[in-house]
Amino acid sequence: MAKVNGVGGIFFRSPDPDKLRAWYVQHLGFPEEDGPGVMFRNDLQPQGAYVVWAPFKADTSYFDPADRQYMFNLTVDDLDGALQQVAAAGAELAGEVEEYDFGRFGWFMDPDGNKVELWEPKTS
C-alpha cells in the first residue's frame, strides 16, 4: 500500500497573488523565487518542527476571525519578532501568544484576510 509521508504544499486563491507573495517576502522573509510560490526545504525547518494534518469540526471557532475554511501554520525562528514584523506591516494580530510543551504559537490576519498561525517549535 502506498502511504503519504508529508505535506507537499499549501495552495489557496488570492485576489492578487503577486502582491500577497511580495508581502510575505518583505515582512516574514519568505525566499524570493521565480514562479507562483516558494519552496521551503525540509532541512531548513527548525529543530523539533513537523507538519500536522488536522481536520477540525465544521463549527470550530479556531479559524476565527477569518471566514475561510482553512488556516495555515508557518514555523518561525523568532515568534515575537515575526509577530512584531507583521503588525508593523499592518496585519491584525489575532489572540494572545500561547505556549505548550512543543512550542509557542501566535496568529495574525494577512492582507487577504487569511488567519495564519505562526509556530516557534521548542528546540529542547
PDB file of N, CA and C in Angstrom:
ATOM      1  N   MET A   1       0.839  -1.185   0.000  1.00  0.00           N
ATOM      2  CA  MET A   1       0.000   0.000   0.000  1.00  0.00           C
ATOM      3  C   MET A   1       0.884   1.249   0.000  1.00  0.00           C
ATOM      4  N   ALA A   2       0.600   2.191  -0.880  1.00  0.00           N
ATOM      5  CA  ALA A   2       1.305   3.474  -0.888  1.00  0.00           C
ATOM      6  C   ALA A   2       0.830   4.298   0.302  1.00  0.00           C
ATOM      7  N   LYS A   3       1.741   5.086   0.877  1.00  0.00           N
ATOM      8  CA  LYS A   3       1.406   5.881   2.058  1.00  0.00           C
ATOM      9  C   LYS A   3       1.884   7.317   1.891  1.00  0.00           C
ATOM     10  N   VAL A   4       1.145   8.233   2.460  1.00  0.00           N
ATOM     11  CA  VAL A   4       1.535   9.641   2.490  1.00  0.00           C
ATOM     12  C   VAL A   4       2.650   9.803   3.503  1.00  0.00           C
ATOM     13  N   ASN A   5       3.672  10.612   3.171  1.00  0.00           N
ATOM     14  CA  ASN A   5       4.777  10.822   4.103  1.00  0.00           C
ATOM     15  C   ASN A   5       5.067  12.293   4.363  1.00  0.00           C
ATOM     16  N   GLY A   6       4.139  13.176   4.016  1.00  0.00           N
ATOM     17  CA  GLY A   6       4.359  14.586   4.303  1.00  0.00           C
ATOM     18  C   GLY A   6       3.379  15.466   3.567  1.00  0.00           C
ATOM     19  N   VAL A   7       3.537  16.762   3.727  1.00  0.00           N
ATOM     20  CA  VAL A   7       2.717  17.758   3.036  1.00  0.00           C
ATOM     21  C   VAL A   7       3.566  18.373   1.943  1.00  0.00           C
ATOM     22  N   GLY A   8       3.057  18.381   0.750  1.00  0.00           N
ATOM     23  CA  GLY A   8       3.808  18.895  -0.388  1.00  0.00           C
ATOM     24  C   GLY A   8       3.557  20.357  -0.680  1.00  0.00           C
ATOM     25  N   GLY A   9       2.559  20.961  -0.077  1.00  0.00           N
ATOM     26  CA  GLY A   9       2.318  22.373  -0.335  1.00  0.00           C
ATOM     27  C   GLY A   9       1.035  22.861   0.295  1.00  0.00           C
ATOM     28  N   ILE A  10       0.886  24.162   0.276  1.00  0.00           N
ATOM     29  CA  ILE A  10      -0.332  24.829   0.714  1.00  0.00           C
ATOM     30  C   ILE A  10      -0.766  25.683  -0.464  1.00  0.00           C
ATOM     31  N   PHE A  11      -1.938  25.413  -0.993  1.00  0.00           N
ATOM     32  CA  PHE A  11      -2.417  26.101  -2.186  1.00  0.00           C
ATOM     33  C   PHE A  11      -3.752  26.760  -1.876  1.00  0.00           C
ATOM     34  N   PHE A  12      -3.892  28.017  -2.264  1.00  0.00           N
ATOM     35  CA  PHE A  12      -5.114  28.750  -1.981  1.00  0.00           C
ATOM     36  C   PHE A  12      -5.252  29.886  -2.970  1.00  0.00           C
ATOM     37  N   ARG A  13      -6.446  30.434  -3.075  1.00  0.00           N
ATOM     38  CA  ARG A  13      -6.723  31.530  -4.005  1.00  0.00           C
ATOM     39  C   ARG A  13      -6.448  32.877  -3.337  1.00  0.00           C
ATOM     40  N   SER A  14      -6.081  33.839  -4.170  1.00  0.00           N
ATOM     41  CA  SER A  14      -5.832  35.196  -3.689  1.00  0.00           C
ATOM     42  C   SER A  14      -6.299  36.178  -4.755  1.00  0.00           C
ATOM     43  N   PRO A  15      -6.883  37.304  -4.362  1.00  0.00           N
ATOM     44  CA  PRO A  15      -7.269  38.306  -5.355  1.00  0.00           C
ATOM     45  C   PRO A  15      -6.056  38.901  -6.086  1.00  0.00           C
ATOM     46  N   ASP A  16      -4.902  38.923  -5.443  1.00  0.00           N
ATOM     47  CA  ASP A  16      -3.683  39.465  -6.053  1.00  0.00           C
ATOM     48  C   ASP A  16      -2.484  38.649  -5.559  1.00  0.00           C
ATOM     49  N   PRO A  17      -2.237  37.463  -6.158  1.00  0.00           N
ATOM     50  CA  PRO A  17      -1.181  36.568  -5.677  1.00  0.00           C
ATOM     51  C   PRO A  17       0.204  37.213  -5.634  1.00  0.00           C
ATOM     52  N   ASP A  18       0.557  38.015  -6.640  1.00  0.00           N
ATOM     53  CA  ASP A  18       1.885  38.639  -6.656  1.00  0.00           C
ATOM     54  C   ASP A  18       2.057  39.607  -5.493  1.00  0.00           C
ATOM     55  N   LYS A  19       1.027  40.384  -5.216  1.00  0.00           N
ATOM     56  CA  LYS A  19       1.084  41.345  -4.113  1.00  0.00           C
ATOM     57  C   LYS A  19       1.185  40.615  -2.767  1.00  0.00           C
ATOM     58  N   LEU A  20       0.397  39.555  -2.600  1.00  0.00           N
ATOM     59  CA  LEU A  20       0.429  38.811  -1.344  1.00  0.00           C
ATOM     60  C   LEU A  20       1.786  38.133  -1.149  1.00  0.00           C
ATOM     61  N   ARG A  21       2.316  37.534  -2.223  1.00  0.00           N
ATOM     62  CA  ARG A  21       3.631  36.892  -2.120  1.00  0.00           C
ATOM     63  C   ARG A  21       4.693  37.919  -1.745  1.00  0.00           C
ATOM     64  N   ALA A  22       4.661  39.106  -2.362  1.00  0.00           N
ATOM     65  CA  ALA A  22       5.629  40.163  -2.045  1.00  0.00           C
ATOM     66  C   ALA A  22       5.514  40.599  -0.585  1.00  0.00           C
ATOM     67  N   TRP A  23       4.294  40.622  -0.043  1.00  0.00           N
ATOM     68  CA  TRP A  23       4.095  40.987   1.357  1.00  0.00           C
ATOM     69  C   TRP A  23       4.799  39.980   2.270  1.00  0.00           C
ATOM     70  N   TYR A  24       4.644  38.696   1.980  1.00  0.00           N
ATOM     71  CA  TYR A  24       5.287  37.659   2.788  1.00  0.00           C
ATOM     72  C   TYR A  24       6.810  37.690   2.641  1.00  0.00           C
ATOM     73  N   VAL A  25       7.305  37.987   1.459  1.00  0.00           N
ATOM     74  CA  VAL A  25       8.755  38.119   1.249  1.00  0.00           C
ATOM     75  C   VAL A  25       9.281  39.273   2.100  1.00  0.00           C
ATOM     76  N   GLN A  26       8.605  40.403   2.040  1.00  0.00           N
ATOM     77  CA  GLN A  26       9.078  41.601   2.746  1.00  0.00           C
ATOM     78  C   GLN A  26       8.934  41.490   4.258  1.00  0.00           C
ATOM     79  N   HIS A  27       7.841  40.936   4.736  1.00  0.00           N
ATOM     80  CA  HIS A  27       7.553  41.021   6.174  1.00  0.00           C
ATOM     81  C   HIS A  27       7.797  39.746   6.974  1.00  0.00           C
ATOM     82  N   LEU A  28       7.991  38.606   6.286  1.00  0.00           N
ATOM     83  CA  LEU A  28       8.306  37.373   7.008  1.00  0.00           C
ATOM     84  C   LEU A  28       9.509  36.650   6.414  1.00  0.00           C
ATOM     85  N   GLY A  29      10.206  37.289   5.491  1.00  0.00           N
ATOM     86  CA  GLY A  29      11.447  36.722   4.982  1.00  0.00           C
ATOM     87  C   GLY A  29      11.276  35.492   4.106  1.00  0.00           C
ATOM     88  N   PHE A  30      10.104  35.332   3.465  1.00  0.00           N
ATOM     89  CA  PHE A  30       9.957  34.220   2.522  1.00  0.00           C
ATOM     90  C   PHE A  30      11.046  34.336   1.468  1.00  0.00           C
ATOM     91  N   PRO A  31      11.558  33.218   0.965  1.00  0.00           N
ATOM     92  CA  PRO A  31      12.554  33.286  -0.104  1.00  0.00           C
ATOM     93  C   PRO A  31      11.944  33.893  -1.364  1.00  0.00           C
ATOM     94  N   GLU A  32      12.725  34.699  -2.070  1.00  0.00           N
ATOM     95  CA  GLU A  32      12.279  35.242  -3.354  1.00  0.00           C
ATOM     96  C   GLU A  32      12.632  34.241  -4.434  1.00  0.00           C
ATOM     97  N   GLU A  33      11.623  33.742  -5.134  1.00  0.00           N
ATOM     98  CA  GLU A  33      11.830  32.740  -6.167  1.00  0.00           C
ATOM     99  C   GLU A  33      10.988  33.077  -7.375  1.00  0.00           C
ATOM    100  N   ASP A  34      11.412  32.601  -8.532  1.00  0.00           N
ATOM    101  CA  ASP A  34      10.598  32.724  -9.730  1.00  0.00           C
ATOM    102  C   ASP A  34       9.441  31.746  -9.626  1.00  0.00           C
ATOM    103  N   GLY A  35       8.335  32.079 -10.202  1.00  0.00           N
ATOM    104  CA  GLY A  35       7.193  31.182 -10.176  1.00  0.00           C
ATOM    105  C   GLY A  35       6.138  31.661  -9.210  1.00  0.00           C
ATOM    106  N   PRO A  36       5.086  30.885  -9.082  1.00  0.00           N
ATOM    107  CA  PRO A  36       3.945  31.337  -8.291  1.00  0.00           C
ATOM    108  C   PRO A  36       4.105  31.208  -6.784  1.00  0.00           C
ATOM    109  N   GLY A  37       5.060  30.445  -6.303  1.00  0.00           N
ATOM    110  CA  GLY A  37       5.175  30.238  -4.867  1.00  0.00           C
ATOM    111  C   GLY A  37       6.613  30.183  -4.420  1.00  0.00           C
ATOM    112  N   VAL A  38       6.826  29.662  -3.237  1.00  0.00           N
ATOM    113  CA  VAL A  38       8.169  29.484  -2.690  1.00  0.00           C
ATOM    114  C   VAL A  38       8.293  28.054  -2.181  1.00  0.00           C
ATOM    115  N   MET A  39       9.524  27.571  -2.128  1.00  0.00           N
ATOM    116  CA  MET A  39       9.775  26.231  -1.614  1.00  0.00           C
ATOM    117  C   MET A  39      10.564  26.322  -0.316  1.00  0.00           C
ATOM    118  N   PHE A  40      10.101  25.612   0.690  1.00  0.00           N
ATOM    119  CA  PHE A  40      10.789  25.523   1.969  1.00  0.00           C
ATOM    120  C   PHE A  40      11.365  24.121   2.069  1.00  0.00           C
ATOM    121  N   ARG A  41      12.662  24.017   1.996  1.00  0.00           N
ATOM    122  CA  ARG A  41      13.301  22.701   2.088  1.00  0.00           C
ATOM    123  C   ARG A  41      13.155  22.149   3.501  1.00  0.00           C
ATOM    124  N   ASN A  42      12.932  20.855   3.592  1.00  0.00           N
ATOM    125  CA  ASN A  42      12.756  20.222   4.904  1.00  0.00           C
ATOM    126  C   ASN A  42      13.968  20.400   5.804  1.00  0.00           C
ATOM    127  N   ASP A  43      15.175  20.413   5.232  1.00  0.00           N
ATOM    128  CA  ASP A  43      16.365  20.531   6.076  1.00  0.00           C
ATOM    129  C   ASP A  43      16.537  21.930   6.664  1.00  0.00           C
ATOM    130  N   LEU A  44      15.735  22.889   6.229  1.00  0.00           N
ATOM    131  CA  LEU A  44      15.792  24.234   6.796  1.00  0.00           C
ATOM    132  C   LEU A  44      14.774  24.441   7.906  1.00  0.00           C
ATOM    133  N   GLN A  45      13.931  23.438   8.149  1.00  0.00           N
ATOM    134  CA  GLN A  45      12.948  23.541   9.220  1.00  0.00           C
ATOM    135  C   GLN A  45      13.662  23.597  10.573  1.00  0.00           C
ATOM    136  N   PRO A  46      13.105  24.344  11.518  1.00  0.00           N
ATOM    137  CA  PRO A  46      13.706  24.381  12.848  1.00  0.00           C
ATOM    138  C   PRO A  46      13.700  22.994  13.489  1.00  0.00           C
ATOM    139  N   GLN A  47      14.682  22.756  14.337  1.00  0.00           N
ATOM    140  CA  GLN A  47      14.721  21.502  15.094  1.00  0.00           C
ATOM    141  C   GLN A  47      13.414  21.359  15.863  1.00  0.00           C
ATOM    142  N   GLY A  48      12.841  20.187  15.828  1.00  0.00           N
ATOM    143  CA  GLY A  48      11.604  19.938  16.548  1.00  0.00           C
ATOM    144  C   GLY A  48      10.344  20.253  15.757  1.00  0.00           C
ATOM    145  N   ALA A  49      10.486  20.799  14.546  1.00  0.00           N
ATOM    146  CA  ALA A  49       9.316  21.125  13.738  1.00  0.00           C
ATOM    147  C   ALA A  49       8.811  19.882  13.017  1.00  0.00           C
ATOM    148  N   TYR A  50       7.537  19.868  12.730  1.00  0.00           N
ATOM    149  CA  TYR A  50       6.919  18.793  11.969  1.00  0.00           C
ATOM    150  C   TYR A  50       5.649  19.349  11.346  1.00  0.00           C
ATOM    151  N   VAL A  51       5.059  18.617  10.430  1.00  0.00           N
ATOM    152  CA  VAL A  51       3.839  19.040   9.762  1.00  0.00           C
ATOM    153  C   VAL A  51       2.659  18.305  10.397  1.00  0.00           C
ATOM    154  N   VAL A  52       1.609  19.047  10.658  1.00  0.00           N
ATOM    155  CA  VAL A  52       0.401  18.473  11.247  1.00  0.00           C
ATOM    156  C   VAL A  52      -0.721  18.527  10.219  1.00  0.00           C
ATOM    157  N   TRP A  53      -1.421  17.434  10.058  1.00  0.00           N
ATOM    158  CA  TRP A  53      -2.635  17.367   9.244  1.00  0.00           C
ATOM    159  C   TRP A  53      -3.774  17.150  10.212  1.00  0.00           C
ATOM    160  N   ALA A  54      -4.716  18.109  10.308  1.00  0.00           N
ATOM    161  CA  ALA A  54      -5.743  18.020  11.343  1.00  0.00           C
ATOM    162  C   ALA A  54      -7.074  18.587  10.863  1.00  0.00           C
ATOM    163  N   PRO A  55      -8.030  17.730  10.525  1.00  0.00           N
ATOM    164  CA  PRO A  55      -9.363  18.235  10.218  1.00  0.00           C
ATOM    165  C   PRO A  55     -10.042  18.727  11.503  1.00  0.00           C
ATOM    166  N   PHE A  56     -10.759  19.812  11.380  1.00  0.00           N
ATOM    167  CA  PHE A  56     -11.488  20.385  12.511  1.00  0.00           C
ATOM    168  C   PHE A  56     -12.983  20.252  12.247  1.00  0.00           C
ATOM    169  N   LYS A  57     -13.780  20.273  13.295  1.00  0.00           N
ATOM    170  CA  LYS A  57     -15.236  20.254  13.138  1.00  0.00           C
ATOM    171  C   LYS A  57     -15.677  21.488  12.361  1.00  0.00           C
ATOM    172  N   ALA A  58     -16.761  21.358  11.622  1.00  0.00           N
ATOM    173  CA  ALA A  58     -17.252  22.441  10.764  1.00  0.00           C
ATOM    174  C   ALA A  58     -17.577  23.704  11.547  1.00  0.00           C
ATOM    175  N   ASP A  59     -17.954  23.585  12.810  1.00  0.00           N
ATOM    176  CA  ASP A  59     -18.341  24.759  13.594  1.00  0.00           C
ATOM    177  C   ASP A  59     -17.215  25.269  14.500  1.00  0.00           C
ATOM    178  N   THR A  60     -15.960  24.875  14.222  1.00  0.00           N
ATOM    179  CA  THR A  60     -14.856  25.331  15.059  1.00  0.00           C
ATOM    180  C   THR A  60     -14.717  26.857  15.011  1.00  0.00           C
ATOM    181  N   SER A  61     -14.311  27.431  16.109  1.00  0.00           N
ATOM    182  CA  SER A  61     -14.008  28.864  16.142  1.00  0.00           C
ATOM    183  C   SER A  61     -12.494  29.097  16.060  1.00  0.00           C
ATOM    184  N   TYR A  62     -11.726  28.009  15.912  1.00  0.00           N
ATOM    185  CA  TYR A  62     -10.264  28.116  15.909  1.00  0.00           C
ATOM    186  C   TYR A  62      -9.746  28.979  14.761  1.00  0.00           C
ATOM    187  N   PHE A  63     -10.470  29.039  13.640  1.00  0.00           N
ATOM    188  CA  PHE A  63     -10.025  29.828  12.489  1.00  0.00           C
ATOM    189  C   PHE A  63     -10.531  31.265  12.547  1.00  0.00           C
ATOM    190  N   ASP A  64     -11.388  31.591  13.511  1.00  0.00           N
ATOM    191  CA  ASP A  64     -11.908  32.952  13.644  1.00  0.00           C
ATOM    192  C   ASP A  64     -10.782  33.926  13.936  1.00  0.00           C
ATOM    193  N   PRO A  65     -10.819  35.152  13.477  1.00  0.00           N
ATOM    194  CA  PRO A  65     -11.960  35.807  12.860  1.00  0.00           C
ATOM    195  C   PRO A  65     -12.060  35.616  11.340  1.00  0.00           C
ATOM    196  N   ALA A  66     -11.209  34.812  10.734  1.00  0.00           N
ATOM    197  CA  ALA A  66     -11.295  34.587   9.282  1.00  0.00           C
ATOM    198  C   ALA A  66     -12.580  33.836   8.949  1.00  0.00           C
ATOM    199  N   ASP A  67     -13.078  34.060   7.754  1.00  0.00           N
ATOM    200  CA  ASP A  67     -14.263  33.331   7.316  1.00  0.00           C
ATOM    201  C   ASP A  67     -13.886  32.201   6.351  1.00  0.00           C
ATOM    202  N   ARG A  68     -12.625  31.858   6.289  1.00  0.00           N
ATOM    203  CA  ARG A  68     -12.128  30.801   5.404  1.00  0.00           C
ATOM    204  C   ARG A  68     -12.379  29.426   6.025  1.00  0.00           C
ATOM    205  N   GLN A  69     -12.301  28.415   5.184  1.00  0.00           N
ATOM    206  CA  GLN A  69     -12.459  27.041   5.632  1.00  0.00           C
ATOM    207  C   GLN A  69     -11.109  26.400   5.938  1.00  0.00           C
ATOM    208  N   TYR A  70     -10.065  27.195   5.981  1.00  0.00           N
ATOM    209  CA  TYR A  70      -8.714  26.682   6.219  1.00  0.00           C
ATOM    210  C   TYR A  70      -7.909  27.712   6.986  1.00  0.00           C
ATOM    211  N   MET A  71      -6.808  27.280   7.531  1.00  0.00           N
ATOM    212  CA  MET A  71      -5.818  28.154   8.155  1.00  0.00           C
ATOM    213  C   MET A  71      -4.486  27.469   7.947  1.00  0.00           C
ATOM    214  N   PHE A  72      -3.442  28.220   7.666  1.00  0.00           N
ATOM    215  CA  PHE A  72      -2.150  27.566   7.550  1.00  0.00           C
ATOM    216  C   PHE A  72      -1.217  28.000   8.651  1.00  0.00           C
ATOM    217  N   ASN A  73      -0.260  27.113   8.937  1.00  0.00           N
ATOM    218  CA  ASN A  73       0.702  27.270  10.018  1.00  0.00           C
ATOM    219  C   ASN A  73       2.086  27.385   9.402  1.00  0.00           C
ATOM    220  N   LEU A  74       2.844  28.363   9.852  1.00  0.00           N
ATOM    221  CA  LEU A  74       4.216  28.561   9.386  1.00  0.00           C
ATOM    222  C   LEU A  74       5.160  28.477  10.576  1.00  0.00           C
ATOM    223  N   THR A  75       6.242  27.727  10.433  1.00  0.00           N
ATOM    224  CA  THR A  75       7.238  27.687  11.502  1.00  0.00           C
ATOM    225  C   THR A  75       8.121  28.922  11.393  1.00  0.00           C
ATOM    226  N   VAL A  76       8.520  29.461  12.534  1.00  0.00           N
ATOM    227  CA  VAL A  76       9.380  30.642  12.583  1.00  0.00           C
ATOM    228  C   VAL A  76      10.492  30.419  13.603  1.00  0.00           C
ATOM    229  N   ASP A  77      11.586  31.158  13.443  1.00  0.00           N
ATOM    230  CA  ASP A  77      12.701  31.046  14.379  1.00  0.00           C
ATOM    231  C   ASP A  77      12.583  32.029  15.540  1.00  0.00           C
ATOM    232  N   ASP A  78      11.673  33.010  15.439  1.00  0.00           N
ATOM    233  CA  ASP A  78      11.508  34.036  16.466  1.00  0.00           C
ATOM    234  C   ASP A  78      10.060  34.501  16.428  1.00  0.00           C
ATOM    235  N   LEU A  79       9.208  33.906  17.229  1.00  0.00           N
ATOM    236  CA  LEU A  79       7.783  34.215  17.195  1.00  0.00           C
ATOM    237  C   LEU A  79       7.519  35.678  17.513  1.00  0.00           C
ATOM    238  N   ASP A  80       8.115  36.182  18.585  1.00  0.00           N
ATOM    239  CA  ASP A  80       7.861  37.576  18.970  1.00  0.00           C
ATOM    240  C   ASP A  80       8.288  38.536  17.865  1.00  0.00           C
ATOM    241  N   GLY A  81       9.463  38.293  17.294  1.00  0.00           N
ATOM    242  CA  GLY A  81       9.945  39.139  16.209  1.00  0.00           C
ATOM    243  C   GLY A  81       9.040  39.063  14.994  1.00  0.00           C
ATOM    244  N   ALA A  82       8.589  37.872  14.631  1.00  0.00           N
ATOM    245  CA  ALA A  82       7.711  37.710  13.466  1.00  0.00           C
ATOM    246  C   ALA A  82       6.385  38.427  13.681  1.00  0.00           C
ATOM    247  N   LEU A  83       5.821  38.312  14.879  1.00  0.00           N
ATOM    248  CA  LEU A  83       4.559  39.000  15.159  1.00  0.00           C
ATOM    249  C   LEU A  83       4.736  40.514  15.120  1.00  0.00           C
ATOM    250  N   GLN A  84       5.861  41.010  15.626  1.00  0.00           N
ATOM    251  CA  GLN A  84       6.133  42.450  15.556  1.00  0.00           C
ATOM    252  C   GLN A  84       6.246  42.904  14.106  1.00  0.00           C
ATOM    253  N   GLN A  85       6.913  42.109  13.275  1.00  0.00           N
ATOM    254  CA  GLN A  85       7.099  42.464  11.858  1.00  0.00           C
ATOM    255  C   GLN A  85       5.765  42.560  11.131  1.00  0.00           C
ATOM    256  N   VAL A  86       4.898  41.555  11.310  1.00  0.00           N
ATOM    257  CA  VAL A  86       3.631  41.594  10.576  1.00  0.00           C
ATOM    258  C   VAL A  86       2.714  42.688  11.119  1.00  0.00           C
ATOM    259  N   ALA A  87       2.753  42.926  12.424  1.00  0.00           N
ATOM    260  CA  ALA A  87       1.951  44.019  12.986  1.00  0.00           C
ATOM    261  C   ALA A  87       2.420  45.365  12.448  1.00  0.00           C
ATOM    262  N   ALA A  88       3.741  45.554  12.354  1.00  0.00           N
ATOM    263  CA  ALA A  88       4.287  46.803  11.798  1.00  0.00           C
ATOM    264  C   ALA A  88       3.898  46.975  10.333  1.00  0.00           C
ATOM    265  N   ALA A  89       3.628  45.860   9.650  1.00  0.00           N
ATOM    266  CA  ALA A  89       3.228  45.903   8.239  1.00  0.00           C
ATOM    267  C   ALA A  89       1.716  46.043   8.085  1.00  0.00           C
ATOM    268  N   GLY A  90       1.002  46.234   9.194  1.00  0.00           N
ATOM    269  CA  GLY A  90      -0.435  46.467   9.135  1.00  0.00           C
ATOM    270  C   GLY A  90      -1.300  45.249   9.364  1.00  0.00           C
ATOM    271  N   ALA A  91      -0.707  44.088   9.640  1.00  0.00           N
ATOM    272  CA  ALA A  91      -1.510  42.897   9.900  1.00  0.00           C
ATOM    273  C   ALA A  91      -2.152  42.994  11.275  1.00  0.00           C
ATOM    274  N   GLU A  92      -3.362  42.492  11.372  1.00  0.00           N
ATOM    275  CA  GLU A  92      -4.062  42.435  12.652  1.00  0.00           C
ATOM    276  C   GLU A  92      -3.636  41.173  13.389  1.00  0.00           C
ATOM    277  N   LEU A  93      -3.134  41.328  14.616  1.00  0.00           N
ATOM    278  CA  LEU A  93      -2.810  40.161  15.427  1.00  0.00           C
ATOM    279  C   LEU A  93      -4.117  39.579  15.947  1.00  0.00           C
ATOM    280  N   ALA A  94      -4.165  38.257  16.056  1.00  0.00           N
ATOM    281  CA  ALA A  94      -5.396  37.579  16.449  1.00  0.00           C
ATOM    282  C   ALA A  94      -5.112  36.709  17.671  1.00  0.00           C
ATOM    283  N   GLY A  95      -5.539  37.168  18.827  1.00  0.00           N
ATOM    284  CA  GLY A  95      -5.349  36.391  20.043  1.00  0.00           C
ATOM    285  C   GLY A  95      -4.010  36.640  20.698  1.00  0.00           C
ATOM    286  N   GLU A  96      -3.805  35.962  21.799  1.00  0.00           N
ATOM    287  CA  GLU A  96      -2.579  36.082  22.584  1.00  0.00           C
ATOM    288  C   GLU A  96      -1.646  34.916  22.275  1.00  0.00           C
ATOM    289  N   VAL A  97      -0.350  35.135  22.464  1.00  0.00           N
ATOM    290  CA  VAL A  97       0.631  34.065  22.282  1.00  0.00           C
ATOM    291  C   VAL A  97       0.320  32.949  23.282  1.00  0.00           C
ATOM    292  N   GLU A  98       0.387  31.714  22.803  1.00  0.00           N
ATOM    293  CA  GLU A  98       0.162  30.552  23.666  1.00  0.00           C
ATOM    294  C   GLU A  98       1.411  29.682  23.651  1.00  0.00           C
ATOM    295  N   GLU A  99       1.711  29.084  24.799  1.00  0.00           N
ATOM    296  CA  GLU A  99       2.911  28.255  24.931  1.00  0.00           C
ATOM    297  C   GLU A  99       2.528  26.853  25.380  1.00  0.00           C
ATOM    298  N   TYR A 100       3.172  25.873  24.735  1.00  0.00           N
ATOM    299  CA  TYR A 100       2.928  24.461  25.028  1.00  0.00           C
ATOM    300  C   TYR A 100       4.274  23.746  25.127  1.00  0.00           C
ATOM    301  N   ASP A 101       4.245  22.478  25.488  1.00  0.00           N
ATOM    302  CA  ASP A 101       5.475  21.691  25.594  1.00  0.00           C
ATOM    303  C   ASP A 101       6.243  21.635  24.277  1.00  0.00           C
ATOM    304  N   PHE A 102       5.555  21.754  23.153  1.00  0.00           N
ATOM    305  CA  PHE A 102       6.179  21.624  21.836  1.00  0.00           C
ATOM    306  C   PHE A 102       6.424  22.952  21.145  1.00  0.00           C
ATOM    307  N   GLY A 103       6.174  24.078  21.842  1.00  0.00           N
ATOM    308  CA  GLY A 103       6.498  25.379  21.266  1.00  0.00           C
ATOM    309  C   GLY A 103       5.488  26.460  21.581  1.00  0.00           C
ATOM    310  N   ARG A 104       5.729  27.610  20.956  1.00  0.00           N
ATOM    311  CA  ARG A 104       4.900  28.795  21.158  1.00  0.00           C
ATOM    312  C   ARG A 104       4.155  29.122  19.869  1.00  0.00           C
ATOM    313  N   PHE A 105       2.935  29.675  20.005  1.00  0.00           N
ATOM    314  CA  PHE A 105       2.083  29.969  18.863  1.00  0.00           C
ATOM    315  C   PHE A 105       1.538  31.389  18.947  1.00  0.00           C
ATOM    316  N   GLY A 106       1.403  32.019  17.799  1.00  0.00           N
ATOM    317  CA  GLY A 106       0.761  33.316  17.676  1.00  0.00           C
ATOM    318  C   GLY A 106       0.042  33.372  16.340  1.00  0.00           C
ATOM    319  N   TRP A 107      -0.894  34.293  16.190  1.00  0.00           N
ATOM    320  CA  TRP A 107      -1.731  34.349  14.998  1.00  0.00           C
ATOM    321  C   TRP A 107      -1.865  35.778  14.483  1.00  0.00           C
ATOM    322  N   PHE A 108      -2.085  35.886  13.172  1.00  0.00           N
ATOM    323  CA  PHE A 108      -2.366  37.179  12.560  1.00  0.00           C
ATOM    324  C   PHE A 108      -3.244  36.978  11.335  1.00  0.00           C
ATOM    325  N   MET A 109      -3.848  38.076  10.892  1.00  0.00           N
ATOM    326  CA  MET A 109      -4.648  38.089   9.674  1.00  0.00           C
ATOM    327  C   MET A 109      -3.804  38.732   8.578  1.00  0.00           C
ATOM    328  N   ASP A 110      -3.589  38.003   7.477  1.00  0.00           N
ATOM    329  CA  ASP A 110      -2.767  38.553   6.397  1.00  0.00           C
ATOM    330  C   ASP A 110      -3.585  39.526   5.540  1.00  0.00           C
ATOM    331  N   PRO A 111      -2.964  40.210   4.568  1.00  0.00           N
ATOM    332  CA  PRO A 111      -3.694  41.208   3.780  1.00  0.00           C
ATOM    333  C   PRO A 111      -4.909  40.670   3.027  1.00  0.00           C
ATOM    334  N   ASP A 112      -4.980  39.372   2.771  1.00  0.00           N
ATOM    335  CA  ASP A 112      -6.144  38.779   2.102  1.00  0.00           C
ATOM    336  C   ASP A 112      -7.214  38.313   3.078  1.00  0.00           C
ATOM    337  N   GLY A 113      -6.994  38.474   4.384  1.00  0.00           N
ATOM    338  CA  GLY A 113      -7.966  38.035   5.376  1.00  0.00           C
ATOM    339  C   GLY A 113      -7.810  36.589   5.797  1.00  0.00           C
ATOM    340  N   ASN A 114      -6.665  35.968   5.488  1.00  0.00           N
ATOM    341  CA  ASN A 114      -6.387  34.610   5.939  1.00  0.00           C
ATOM    342  C   ASN A 114      -5.832  34.655   7.350  1.00  0.00           C
ATOM    343  N   LYS A 115      -6.331  33.798   8.219  1.00  0.00           N
ATOM    344  CA  LYS A 115      -5.734  33.673   9.539  1.00  0.00           C
ATOM    345  C   LYS A 115      -4.515  32.765   9.399  1.00  0.00           C
ATOM    346  N   VAL A 116      -3.369  33.231   9.890  1.00  0.00           N
ATOM    347  CA  VAL A 116      -2.119  32.492   9.789  1.00  0.00           C
ATOM    348  C   VAL A 116      -1.624  32.217  11.201  1.00  0.00           C
ATOM    349  N   GLU A 117      -1.251  30.972  11.431  1.00  0.00           N
ATOM    350  CA  GLU A 117      -0.698  30.565  12.720  1.00  0.00           C
ATOM    351  C   GLU A 117       0.817  30.486  12.576  1.00  0.00           C
ATOM    352  N   LEU A 118       1.538  31.142  13.469  1.00  0.00           N
ATOM    353  CA  LEU A 118       2.994  31.057  13.497  1.00  0.00           C
ATOM    354  C   LEU A 118       3.396  30.172  14.661  1.00  0.00           C
ATOM    355  N   TRP A 119       4.342  29.281  14.396  1.00  0.00           N
ATOM    356  CA  TRP A 119       4.783  28.320  15.412  1.00  0.00           C
ATOM    357  C   TRP A 119       6.292  28.394  15.562  1.00  0.00           C
ATOM    358  N   GLU A 120       6.745  28.689  16.758  1.00  0.00           N
ATOM    359  CA  GLU A 120       8.162  28.602  17.104  1.00  0.00           C
ATOM    360  C   GLU A 120       8.343  27.298  17.878  1.00  0.00           C
ATOM    361  N   PRO A 121       8.828  26.248  17.195  1.00  0.00           N
ATOM    362  CA  PRO A 121       8.980  24.964  17.879  1.00  0.00           C
ATOM    363  C   PRO A 121       9.958  25.061  19.043  1.00  0.00           C
ATOM    364  N   LYS A 122       9.681  24.283  20.069  1.00  0.00           N
ATOM    365  CA  LYS A 122      10.606  24.184  21.194  1.00  0.00           C
ATOM    366  C   LYS A 122      11.789  23.357  20.738  1.00  0.00           C
ATOM    367  N   THR A 123      12.995  23.869  20.939  1.00  0.00           N
ATOM    368  CA  THR A 123      14.178  23.175  20.420  1.00  0.00           C
ATOM    369  C   THR A 123      14.725  22.143  21.383  1.00  0.00           C
ATOM    370  N   SER A 124      14.415  22.197  22.622  1.00  0.00           N
ATOM    371  CA  SER A 124      14.859  21.154  23.580  1.00  0.00           C
ATOM    372  C   SER A 124      14.125  21.258  24.877  1.00  0.00           C
TER     373      SER A 124
END
